[in-house]
Each structure stands twice: as C-alpha cells, then as structure tokens.
C-alpha atoms as a PDB file:
ATOM      1  CA  MET A   1       8.188  11.338   5.818  1.00  0.00           C
ATOM      2  CA  GLU A   2       9.604  10.487   2.391  1.00  0.00           C
ATOM      3  CA  ARG A   3      12.926  12.050   3.295  1.00  0.00           C
ATOM      4  CA  ALA A   4      13.256   9.942   6.452  1.00  0.00           C
ATOM      5  CA  ARG A   5      12.518   6.778   4.471  1.00  0.00           C
ATOM      6  CA  VAL A   6      15.182   7.600   1.874  1.00  0.00           C
ATOM      7  CA  GLU A   7      17.777   8.371   4.536  1.00  0.00           C
ATOM      8  CA  THR A   8      17.017   5.110   6.349  1.00  0.00           C
ATOM      9  CA  VAL A   9      17.422   3.089   3.165  1.00  0.00           C
ATOM     10  CA  TYR A  10      20.709   4.827   2.440  1.00  0.00           C
ATOM     11  CA  ILE A  11      22.077   4.101   5.910  1.00  0.00           C
ATOM     12  CA  LEU A  12      21.077   0.446   5.728  1.00  0.00           C
ATOM     13  CA  ARG A  13      22.791   0.042   2.372  1.00  0.00           C
ATOM     14  CA  VAL A  14      25.969   1.680   3.623  1.00  0.00           C
ATOM     15  CA  VAL A  15      26.359  -0.870   6.422  1.00  0.00           C
ATOM     16  CA  GLY A  16      25.563  -3.733   4.051  1.00  0.00           C
ATOM     17  CA  ILE A  17      22.195  -4.831   5.421  1.00  0.00           C
ATOM     18  CA  ALA A  18      19.721  -6.195   2.871  1.00  0.00           C
ATOM     19  CA  VAL A  19      16.940  -3.701   2.306  1.00  0.00           C
ATOM     20  CA  ALA A  20      13.352  -4.854   1.914  1.00  0.00           C
ATOM     21  CA  SER A  21      11.537  -3.757  -1.179  1.00  0.00           C
ATOM     22  CA  MET A  22       8.794  -1.161  -1.077  1.00  0.00           C
ATOM     23  CA  PRO A  23       5.205  -2.341  -0.608  1.00  0.00           C
ATOM     24  CA  ARG A  24       2.355  -1.345  -2.904  1.00  0.00           C
ATOM     25  CA  PRO A  25      -1.304  -2.326  -2.920  1.00  0.00           C
ATOM     26  CA  VAL A  26      -2.631  -4.037  -6.045  1.00  0.00           C
ATOM     27  CA  ILE A  27      -6.388  -4.011  -6.609  1.00  0.00           C
ATOM     28  CA  ASP A  28      -8.206  -6.643  -8.648  1.00  0.00           C
ATOM     29  CA  VAL A  29     -10.860  -4.442 -10.250  1.00  0.00           C
ATOM     30  CA  GLU A  30     -12.910  -7.483 -11.223  1.00  0.00           C
ATOM     31  CA  LYS A  31     -13.351  -8.381  -7.537  1.00  0.00           C
ATOM     32  CA  CYS A  32     -13.619  -4.844  -6.132  1.00  0.00           C
ATOM     33  CA  THR A  33     -17.198  -3.811  -5.343  1.00  0.00           C
ATOM     34  CA  GLY A  34     -16.282  -0.269  -4.297  1.00  0.00           C
ATOM     35  CA  CYS A  35     -17.445  -0.720  -0.697  1.00  0.00           C
ATOM     36  CA  GLY A  36     -14.736   1.686   0.554  1.00  0.00           C
ATOM     37  CA  THR A  37     -13.608  -0.416   3.515  1.00  0.00           C
ATOM     38  CA  CYS A  38      -9.995  -0.235   2.353  1.00  0.00           C
ATOM     39  CA  THR A  39     -10.077   3.551   2.137  1.00  0.00           C
ATOM     40  CA  GLU A  40     -11.336   3.730   5.712  1.00  0.00           C
ATOM     41  CA  VAL A  41      -8.714   1.427   7.246  1.00  0.00           C
ATOM     42  CA  CYS A  42      -5.593   2.635   5.408  1.00  0.00           C
ATOM     43  CA  PRO A  43      -3.599   4.706   7.921  1.00  0.00           C
ATOM     44  CA  ALA A  44      -1.585   6.403   5.163  1.00  0.00           C
ATOM     45  CA  GLY A  45      -4.485   7.374   2.896  1.00  0.00           C
ATOM     46  CA  VAL A  46      -3.054   5.431  -0.038  1.00  0.00           C
ATOM     47  CA  LEU A  47      -6.384   4.240  -1.408  1.00  0.00           C
ATOM     48  CA  GLU A  48      -9.283   6.192  -2.900  1.00  0.00           C
ATOM     49  CA  LEU A  49     -12.520   5.306  -4.619  1.00  0.00           C
ATOM     50  CA  GLN A  50     -12.615   6.442  -8.229  1.00  0.00           C
ATOM     51  CA  GLU A  51     -15.496   5.599 -10.534  1.00  0.00           C
ATOM     52  CA  GLY A  52     -16.807   3.114  -7.978  1.00  0.00           C
ATOM     53  CA  LYS A  53     -13.573   1.141  -7.559  1.00  0.00           C
ATOM     54  CA  ALA A  54     -10.615   1.315  -5.192  1.00  0.00           C
ATOM     55  CA  VAL A  55      -7.386   2.666  -6.648  1.00  0.00           C
ATOM     56  CA  ALA A  56      -3.929   3.152  -5.148  1.00  0.00           C
ATOM     57  CA  ALA A  57      -3.821   6.930  -5.559  1.00  0.00           C
ATOM     58  CA  ARG A  58      -0.603   7.332  -3.560  1.00  0.00           C
ATOM     59  CA  PRO A  59       1.197   3.937  -3.693  1.00  0.00           C
ATOM     60  CA  GLU A  60       4.515   5.480  -2.648  1.00  0.00           C
ATOM     61  CA  GLU A  61       2.957   6.254   0.761  1.00  0.00           C
ATOM     62  CA  CYS A  62       2.109   2.580   1.474  1.00  0.00           C
ATOM     63  CA  LEU A  63       3.396   1.456   4.866  1.00  0.00           C
ATOM     64  CA  GLY A  64       2.980  -2.237   4.097  1.00  0.00           C
ATOM     65  CA  CYS A  65       0.698  -2.796   7.093  1.00  0.00           C
ATOM     66  CA  ARG A  66      -1.733  -4.855   4.969  1.00  0.00           C
ATOM     67  CA  ALA A  67      -4.805  -3.422   6.717  1.00  0.00           C
ATOM     68  CA  CYS A  68      -6.457  -2.948   3.320  1.00  0.00           C
ATOM     69  CA  GLU A  69      -5.679  -6.506   2.305  1.00  0.00           C
ATOM     70  CA  ALA A  70      -7.010  -7.972   5.557  1.00  0.00           C
ATOM     71  CA  SER A  71     -10.174  -5.876   5.596  1.00  0.00           C
ATOM     72  CA  CYS A  72     -11.330  -6.284   1.991  1.00  0.00           C
ATOM     73  CA  PRO A  73     -14.448  -8.472   2.115  1.00  0.00           C
ATOM     74  CA  GLN A  74     -13.973  -9.483  -1.535  1.00  0.00           C
ATOM     75  CA  GLY A  75     -10.250 -10.322  -1.265  1.00  0.00           C
ATOM     76  CA  ALA A  76      -9.607  -7.819  -4.045  1.00  0.00           C
ATOM     77  CA  ILE A  77      -6.411  -6.334  -2.588  1.00  0.00           C
ATOM     78  CA  THR A  78      -2.949  -7.789  -2.243  1.00  0.00           C
ATOM     79  CA  VAL A  79       0.080  -5.898  -1.009  1.00  0.00           C
ATOM     80  CA  GLU A  80       3.096  -6.707  -3.155  1.00  0.00           C
ATOM     81  CA  GLU A  81       6.736  -5.831  -2.673  1.00  0.00           C
ATOM     82  CA  GLU A  82       8.538  -3.983  -5.480  1.00  0.00           C
END
C-alpha cells in the first residue's frame, strides 16, 4: 500500500496538482482513559493501547478517515495534517 501512495503523490506532483499533506493522529494523554474505542474503529490499525493509553503505533498508515477522532468519548484524539 505504501508504494501505491508514493506513486500517486509523484504523479500528482508531476502534473502540478497541489498535494494534501499526510494525516496523523495525535493523542492527548491527559484526556485519554485507555478505553480502546479508537483501536477498535481504526480501519488501518494505526492505534494501540500501551501502558493503558492510546498511542499511534503506525502513524504512517493513517488514512485520515478520522474514525478515531469521532469515536473518542473523551475527545482525546485529533487528526492533524503534516
């Protein structure tokens, strides 16, 4: 999947189309209660629970769908563009 993403970005840049930045989930550890909802809804398996808190274990796999952000009952996750 990573290869396809890189090729797509390259093609878009060649024809001069602005390319969106890559999304990544950011977790506010002060708000996170470790409920695990985000890990269950993420279709790409980006998030994991470690030591009772959510962490972005594979941020490069983030699809930017914001399912984690929308489902977090504590509002501890935001998806930012890099």
